[in-house]
Amino acid sequence: MGISWTSADYPRLTDPNFIDAIGQIVHARQADGYGFSIALMGYQALFFDPAFEELVKQETSIDGLQTVIHEIRRGSFIKPGADGWEISFRADILIRNELDPATNKPLGEIDYASDLEYRDQVLYAEDEKGIENFKAWCRESGLET
């Protein structure tokens, strides 16, 4: 049975630049057994109420509101070995595409409009030394001083 830590235990887990840097290192070391995945979970759309859209049209020069769509992914970075660990997270990315009402999937090639927004970051390890092993790895990798 493993142990997990969140940003309450290690606040750096909320820093998107920190998570990006870990991902770059892990991605580059896949040949050494490191694991990297960022699987598509689905799409989240914010549709505006017609009355609100009409109000916006009346009060501004905007002709209409575009549905806000996020691509939702579940990712993980894994360091193998006895001193290994895993970081898992949810990533939201704003896209410019419209959704096809028949399939609920984006029309055309995905056009990303934002960087990843990370949520629910969790560090997992096999034992209570996992967080210390992770911090040591960060220091060795140049992510911590």
C-alpha atoms as a PDB file:
ATOM      1  CA  MET A   1       0.000   0.000   0.000  1.00  0.00           C
ATOM      2  CA  GLY A   2       1.359   3.419  -0.949  1.00  0.00           C
ATOM      3  CA  ILE A   3       1.386   6.786   0.730  1.00  0.00           C
ATOM      4  CA  SER A   4       0.301  10.071  -0.826  1.00  0.00           C
ATOM      5  CA  TRP A   5       1.084  13.743  -0.289  1.00  0.00           C
ATOM      6  CA  THR A   6      -0.685  16.838  -1.581  1.00  0.00           C
ATOM      7  CA  SER A   7       0.123  20.541  -1.724  1.00  0.00           C
ATOM      8  CA  ALA A   8      -0.799  20.745   1.966  1.00  0.00           C
ATOM      9  CA  ASP A   9       2.308  18.627   2.613  1.00  0.00           C
ATOM     10  CA  TYR A  10       4.488  20.145  -0.110  1.00  0.00           C
ATOM     11  CA  PRO A  11       3.245  23.529  -1.431  1.00  0.00           C
ATOM     12  CA  ARG A  12       5.531  23.469  -4.508  1.00  0.00           C
ATOM     13  CA  LEU A  13       3.116  20.956  -6.037  1.00  0.00           C
ATOM     14  CA  THR A  14       0.790  23.889  -6.810  1.00  0.00           C
ATOM     15  CA  ASP A  15       3.442  25.735  -8.851  1.00  0.00           C
ATOM     16  CA  PRO A  16       2.692  25.132 -12.567  1.00  0.00           C
ATOM     17  CA  ASN A  17       6.289  25.973 -13.544  1.00  0.00           C
ATOM     18  CA  PHE A  18       7.560  23.349 -11.088  1.00  0.00           C
ATOM     19  CA  ILE A  19       5.186  20.710 -12.486  1.00  0.00           C
ATOM     20  CA  ASP A  20       6.183  21.647 -16.065  1.00  0.00           C
ATOM     21  CA  ALA A  21       9.883  21.315 -15.170  1.00  0.00           C
ATOM     22  CA  ILE A  22       9.322  17.874 -13.621  1.00  0.00           C
ATOM     23  CA  GLY A  23       7.438  16.837 -16.746  1.00  0.00           C
ATOM     24  CA  GLN A  24      10.239  17.980 -19.044  1.00  0.00           C
ATOM     25  CA  ILE A  25      12.833  16.017 -17.073  1.00  0.00           C
ATOM     26  CA  VAL A  26      10.691  12.890 -16.813  1.00  0.00           C
ATOM     27  CA  HIS A  27       9.750  13.054 -20.494  1.00  0.00           C
ATOM     28  CA  ALA A  28      13.434  13.326 -21.461  1.00  0.00           C
ATOM     29  CA  ARG A  29      14.308  10.282 -19.312  1.00  0.00           C
ATOM     30  CA  GLN A  30      11.708   7.842 -20.638  1.00  0.00           C
ATOM     31  CA  ALA A  31      14.500   5.728 -22.141  1.00  0.00           C
ATOM     32  CA  ASP A  32      15.782   5.296 -18.564  1.00  0.00           C
ATOM     33  CA  GLY A  33      12.457   3.814 -17.426  1.00  0.00           C
ATOM     34  CA  TYR A  34      10.692   7.006 -16.335  1.00  0.00           C
ATOM     35  CA  GLY A  35       6.982   7.096 -17.085  1.00  0.00           C
ATOM     36  CA  PHE A  36       5.042   9.930 -18.662  1.00  0.00           C
ATOM     37  CA  SER A  37       1.377  10.029 -19.652  1.00  0.00           C
ATOM     38  CA  ILE A  38      -1.255  12.671 -20.197  1.00  0.00           C
ATOM     39  CA  ALA A  39      -4.395  10.859 -21.298  1.00  0.00           C
ATOM     40  CA  LEU A  40      -7.456  12.641 -22.622  1.00  0.00           C
ATOM     41  CA  MET A  41     -10.417  12.401 -20.232  1.00  0.00           C
ATOM     42  CA  GLY A  42     -12.895  14.544 -22.141  1.00  0.00           C
ATOM     43  CA  TYR A  43     -14.127  18.056 -22.771  1.00  0.00           C
ATOM     44  CA  GLN A  44     -15.792  20.562 -20.494  1.00  0.00           C
ATOM     45  CA  ALA A  45     -17.933  23.267 -22.073  1.00  0.00           C
ATOM     46  CA  LEU A  46     -19.419  26.438 -20.618  1.00  0.00           C
ATOM     47  CA  PHE A  47     -22.543  27.382 -22.538  1.00  0.00           C
ATOM     48  CA  PHE A  48     -23.983  30.824 -21.844  1.00  0.00           C
ATOM     49  CA  ASP A  49     -27.624  31.339 -20.960  1.00  0.00           C
ATOM     50  CA  PRO A  50     -29.447  32.977 -23.912  1.00  0.00           C
ATOM     51  CA  ALA A  51     -30.764  35.781 -21.653  1.00  0.00           C
ATOM     52  CA  PHE A  52     -27.213  36.597 -20.538  1.00  0.00           C
ATOM     53  CA  GLU A  53     -25.951  36.535 -24.114  1.00  0.00           C
ATOM     54  CA  GLU A  54     -28.750  38.910 -25.149  1.00  0.00           C
ATOM     55  CA  LEU A  55     -27.831  41.258 -22.293  1.00  0.00           C
ATOM     56  CA  VAL A  56     -24.195  41.270 -23.421  1.00  0.00           C
ATOM     57  CA  LYS A  57     -25.287  42.070 -26.994  1.00  0.00           C
ATOM     58  CA  GLN A  58     -27.416  44.989 -25.778  1.00  0.00           C
ATOM     59  CA  GLU A  59     -24.749  46.468 -23.487  1.00  0.00           C
ATOM     60  CA  THR A  60     -21.691  45.995 -25.707  1.00  0.00           C
ATOM     61  CA  SER A  61     -20.665  45.772 -29.328  1.00  0.00           C
ATOM     62  CA  ILE A  62     -20.175  41.999 -28.977  1.00  0.00           C
ATOM     63  CA  ASP A  63     -22.383  40.058 -31.432  1.00  0.00           C
ATOM     64  CA  GLY A  64     -22.338  36.797 -29.516  1.00  0.00           C
ATOM     65  CA  LEU A  65     -20.503  34.776 -26.896  1.00  0.00           C
ATOM     66  CA  GLN A  66     -18.394  31.801 -27.885  1.00  0.00           C
ATOM     67  CA  THR A  67     -18.738  28.641 -25.829  1.00  0.00           C
ATOM     68  CA  VAL A  68     -15.704  28.204 -23.561  1.00  0.00           C
ATOM     69  CA  ILE A  69     -14.238  24.710 -24.000  1.00  0.00           C
ATOM     70  CA  HIS A  70     -11.539  23.004 -21.939  1.00  0.00           C
ATOM     71  CA  GLU A  71      -9.798  19.793 -22.894  1.00  0.00           C
ATOM     72  CA  ILE A  72      -9.440  17.770 -19.679  1.00  0.00           C
ATOM     73  CA  ARG A  73      -6.504  15.413 -19.263  1.00  0.00           C
ATOM     74  CA  ARG A  74      -5.170  13.156 -16.518  1.00  0.00           C
ATOM     75  CA  GLY A  75      -1.413  13.026 -16.324  1.00  0.00           C
ATOM     76  CA  SER A  76       1.323  11.290 -14.412  1.00  0.00           C
ATOM     77  CA  PHE A  77       5.081  11.407 -14.085  1.00  0.00           C
ATOM     78  CA  ILE A  78       6.766   8.290 -12.692  1.00  0.00           C
ATOM     79  CA  LYS A  79      10.299   7.770 -11.427  1.00  0.00           C
ATOM     80  CA  PRO A  80      11.060   4.026 -11.265  1.00  0.00           C
ATOM     81  CA  GLY A  81      13.058   2.152  -8.653  1.00  0.00           C
ATOM     82  CA  ALA A  82      13.145   1.575  -4.910  1.00  0.00           C
ATOM     83  CA  ASP A  83      13.328   5.338  -4.347  1.00  0.00           C
ATOM     84  CA  GLY A  84      10.673   5.965  -7.001  1.00  0.00           C
ATOM     85  CA  TRP A  85       7.547   8.077  -6.880  1.00  0.00           C
ATOM     86  CA  GLU A  86       4.613   9.157  -9.024  1.00  0.00           C
ATOM     87  CA  ILE A  87       2.996  12.544  -9.441  1.00  0.00           C
ATOM     88  CA  SER A  88      -0.526  12.531 -10.806  1.00  0.00           C
ATOM     89  CA  PHE A  89      -2.585  15.556 -11.802  1.00  0.00           C
ATOM     90  CA  ARG A  90      -5.504  16.842 -13.788  1.00  0.00           C
ATOM     91  CA  ALA A  91      -4.691  19.314 -16.552  1.00  0.00           C
ATOM     92  CA  ASP A  92      -7.179  21.675 -18.175  1.00  0.00           C
ATOM     93  CA  ILE A  93      -6.338  23.372 -21.472  1.00  0.00           C
ATOM     94  CA  LEU A  94      -8.510  26.038 -23.099  1.00  0.00           C
ATOM     95  CA  ILE A  95      -9.137  25.295 -26.780  1.00  0.00           C
ATOM     96  CA  ARG A  96     -10.480  27.495 -29.567  1.00  0.00           C
ATOM     97  CA  ASN A  97     -12.427  24.747 -31.351  1.00  0.00           C
ATOM     98  CA  GLU A  98     -16.173  24.328 -31.300  1.00  0.00           C
ATOM     99  CA  LEU A  99     -17.693  20.999 -30.240  1.00  0.00           C
ATOM    100  CA  ASP A 100     -19.499  18.850 -32.755  1.00  0.00           C
ATOM    101  CA  PRO A 101     -22.990  18.400 -31.256  1.00  0.00           C
ATOM    102  CA  ALA A 102     -23.233  14.874 -32.702  1.00  0.00           C
ATOM    103  CA  THR A 103     -20.016  13.575 -31.114  1.00  0.00           C
ATOM    104  CA  ASN A 104     -19.237  16.112 -28.355  1.00  0.00           C
ATOM    105  CA  LYS A 105     -15.688  16.254 -29.752  1.00  0.00           C
ATOM    106  CA  PRO A 106     -13.865  19.261 -31.167  1.00  0.00           C
ATOM    107  CA  LEU A 107     -14.257  20.100 -34.821  1.00  0.00           C
ATOM    108  CA  GLY A 108     -11.002  19.991 -36.756  1.00  0.00           C
ATOM    109  CA  GLU A 109      -7.465  19.895 -35.440  1.00  0.00           C
ATOM    110  CA  ILE A 110      -7.198  21.082 -31.816  1.00  0.00           C
ATOM    111  CA  ASP A 111      -6.182  24.734 -31.523  1.00  0.00           C
ATOM    112  CA  TYR A 112      -4.882  25.316 -27.999  1.00  0.00           C
ATOM    113  CA  ALA A 113      -5.486  28.747 -26.480  1.00  0.00           C
ATOM    114  CA  SER A 114      -3.783  28.355 -23.088  1.00  0.00           C
ATOM    115  CA  ASP A 115      -1.071  26.569 -21.191  1.00  0.00           C
ATOM    116  CA  LEU A 116      -1.941  23.623 -18.985  1.00  0.00           C
ATOM    117  CA  GLU A 117      -3.767  24.518 -15.781  1.00  0.00           C
ATOM    118  CA  TYR A 118      -2.896  21.884 -13.188  1.00  0.00           C
ATOM    119  CA  ARG A 119      -5.322  20.630 -10.528  1.00  0.00           C
ATOM    120  CA  ASP A 120      -5.384  17.841  -7.974  1.00  0.00           C
ATOM    121  CA  GLN A 121      -1.625  17.244  -7.893  1.00  0.00           C
ATOM    122  CA  VAL A 122      -0.722  14.255  -5.721  1.00  0.00           C
ATOM    123  CA  LEU A 123       2.660  12.674  -4.990  1.00  0.00           C
ATOM    124  CA  TYR A 124       2.579   8.898  -4.399  1.00  0.00           C
ATOM    125  CA  ALA A 125       5.292   6.557  -3.146  1.00  0.00           C
ATOM    126  CA  GLU A 126       5.595   3.080  -1.660  1.00  0.00           C
ATOM    127  CA  ASP A 127       6.707   4.244   1.793  1.00  0.00           C
ATOM    128  CA  GLU A 128       6.951   7.279   4.055  1.00  0.00           C
ATOM    129  CA  LYS A 129      10.389   8.183   2.669  1.00  0.00           C
ATOM    130  CA  GLY A 130       8.782   8.936  -0.680  1.00  0.00           C
ATOM    131  CA  ILE A 131       8.503  12.664  -0.172  1.00  0.00           C
ATOM    132  CA  GLU A 132      12.135  12.888   0.958  1.00  0.00           C
ATOM    133  CA  ASN A 133      13.216  10.776  -2.033  1.00  0.00           C
ATOM    134  CA  PHE A 134      11.242  13.095  -4.291  1.00  0.00           C
ATOM    135  CA  LYS A 135      12.803  16.225  -2.763  1.00  0.00           C
ATOM    136  CA  ALA A 136      16.280  14.678  -3.132  1.00  0.00           C
ATOM    137  CA  TRP A 137      15.539  13.916  -6.793  1.00  0.00           C
ATOM    138  CA  CYS A 138      14.409  17.528  -7.271  1.00  0.00           C
ATOM    139  CA  ARG A 139      17.682  18.796  -5.782  1.00  0.00           C
ATOM    140  CA  GLU A 140      19.735  16.423  -7.944  1.00  0.00           C
ATOM    141  CA  SER A 141      17.775  17.536 -11.009  1.00  0.00           C
ATOM    142  CA  GLY A 142      18.309  21.219 -10.280  1.00  0.00           C
ATOM    143  CA  LEU A 143      14.702  21.962  -9.312  1.00  0.00           C
ATOM    144  CA  GLU A 144      15.417  22.639  -5.627  1.00  0.00           C
ATOM    145  CA  THR A 145      18.337  24.281  -3.869  1.00  0.00           C
END
